[in-house]
Protein backbone atom coordinates (compact mmCIF):
# COMPACT_ATOMS: atom_id res chain seq x y z
CA PRO A 1 0.00 0.00 0.00
CA ASP A 2 1.03 3.59 -0.67
CA PHE A 3 1.09 4.98 2.87
CA ASP A 4 2.26 8.39 1.62
CA ARG A 5 -1.02 8.57 -0.30
CA LEU A 6 -3.00 7.81 2.85
CA ARG A 7 -1.11 10.55 4.70
CA GLU A 8 -1.94 13.02 1.92
CA MET A 9 -5.61 11.95 1.96
CA LEU A 10 -5.70 12.60 5.70
CA ARG A 11 -4.06 16.00 5.19
CA GLU A 12 -6.58 16.87 2.47
CA ARG A 13 -9.49 15.83 4.72
CA PHE A 14 -8.40 17.50 7.97
CA GLY A 15 -6.11 20.30 6.77
CA ASP A 16 -4.29 21.94 9.68
CA ARG A 17 -7.15 21.60 12.20
CA TRP A 18 -6.99 19.31 15.23
CA PHE A 19 -8.64 15.90 14.77
CA THR A 20 -8.88 12.78 16.90
CA ILE A 21 -7.56 9.31 16.26
CA GLU A 22 -11.18 8.18 16.18
CA GLU A 23 -11.95 10.63 13.35
CA ALA A 24 -8.86 9.44 11.45
CA GLU A 25 -9.85 5.80 11.87
CA ARG A 26 -13.42 6.46 10.73
CA PHE A 27 -12.23 8.41 7.68
CA THR A 28 -9.67 5.75 6.75
CA LEU A 29 -12.16 2.89 7.00
CA LEU A 30 -15.18 4.57 5.43
CA GLU A 31 -13.80 7.03 2.88
CA THR A 32 -10.57 5.53 1.51
CA ALA A 33 -9.43 2.30 -0.11
CA PHE A 34 -7.37 1.64 3.04
CA ARG A 35 -9.74 -0.67 4.88
CA ASP A 36 -7.44 -1.90 7.62
CA ASN A 37 -6.50 0.33 10.57
CA GLY A 38 -3.16 -1.47 10.43
CA HIS A 39 -2.49 0.92 7.55
CA LEU A 40 -3.11 3.99 9.68
CA LYS A 41 -1.11 4.15 12.89
CA THR A 42 2.31 2.54 12.49
CA PRO A 43 2.97 2.94 8.75
CA THR A 44 1.30 6.35 8.28
CA LEU A 45 0.85 8.43 11.44
CA LYS A 46 4.02 7.38 13.28
CA PRO A 47 6.40 8.33 10.42
CA ALA A 48 4.50 11.60 9.88
CA GLU A 49 5.07 12.47 13.54
CA GLN A 50 8.73 11.43 13.38
CA ASP A 51 9.24 13.59 10.27
CA GLY A 52 7.71 16.63 11.98
CA LEU A 53 4.66 16.66 9.72
CA LEU A 54 2.15 15.80 12.45
CA GLY A 55 1.71 17.45 15.83
CA VAL A 56 0.29 15.04 18.40
CA GLU A 57 -1.31 15.52 21.84
CA ARG A 58 -1.70 12.34 23.86
CA PRO A 59 -3.64 11.67 27.04
CA PRO A 60 -1.47 11.82 30.18
CA GLY A 61 0.80 8.80 30.59
CA LYS A 62 0.82 7.81 26.92
CA LYS A 63 4.19 7.55 25.22
CA ARG A 64 5.38 9.11 21.97
CA GLY A 65 4.54 6.93 18.99
CA SER A 66 1.27 5.63 20.43
CA PHE A 67 -2.11 6.61 18.99
CA GLY A 68 -4.63 5.31 21.50
CA PRO A 69 -8.09 6.64 22.36
CA GLY A 70 -8.15 10.33 23.15
CA THR A 71 -5.15 11.18 20.98
CA ARG A 72 -5.48 14.45 19.05
CA MET A 73 -3.31 15.51 16.15
CA ARG A 74 -2.93 18.02 13.35
CA PHE A 75 -0.76 18.39 10.30
CA VAL A 76 1.89 21.09 10.49
CA SER A 77 3.72 22.78 7.65
CA GLY A 78 7.31 22.37 8.82
CA ARG A 79 9.56 19.92 10.57
CA ASP A 80 9.15 21.56 13.97
CA GLY A 81 6.17 19.33 14.85
């Protein structure tokens, strides 16, 4: 699968506004050809965060790289995440 394409589809859908992991999962499953949430977190969102393309707010006690319930994120323009 082309995970860069999924990242761009998410960016097109949400722009630079904050969105939740639940919204991202729903969009991925219902509005894209990516039907498996295994395509979303590790191969798409995690590299976007590592590359400074995605700002992420996690619930207290959650570690970087995790995208559990309550996680909010938004796409950013630079590498300063």
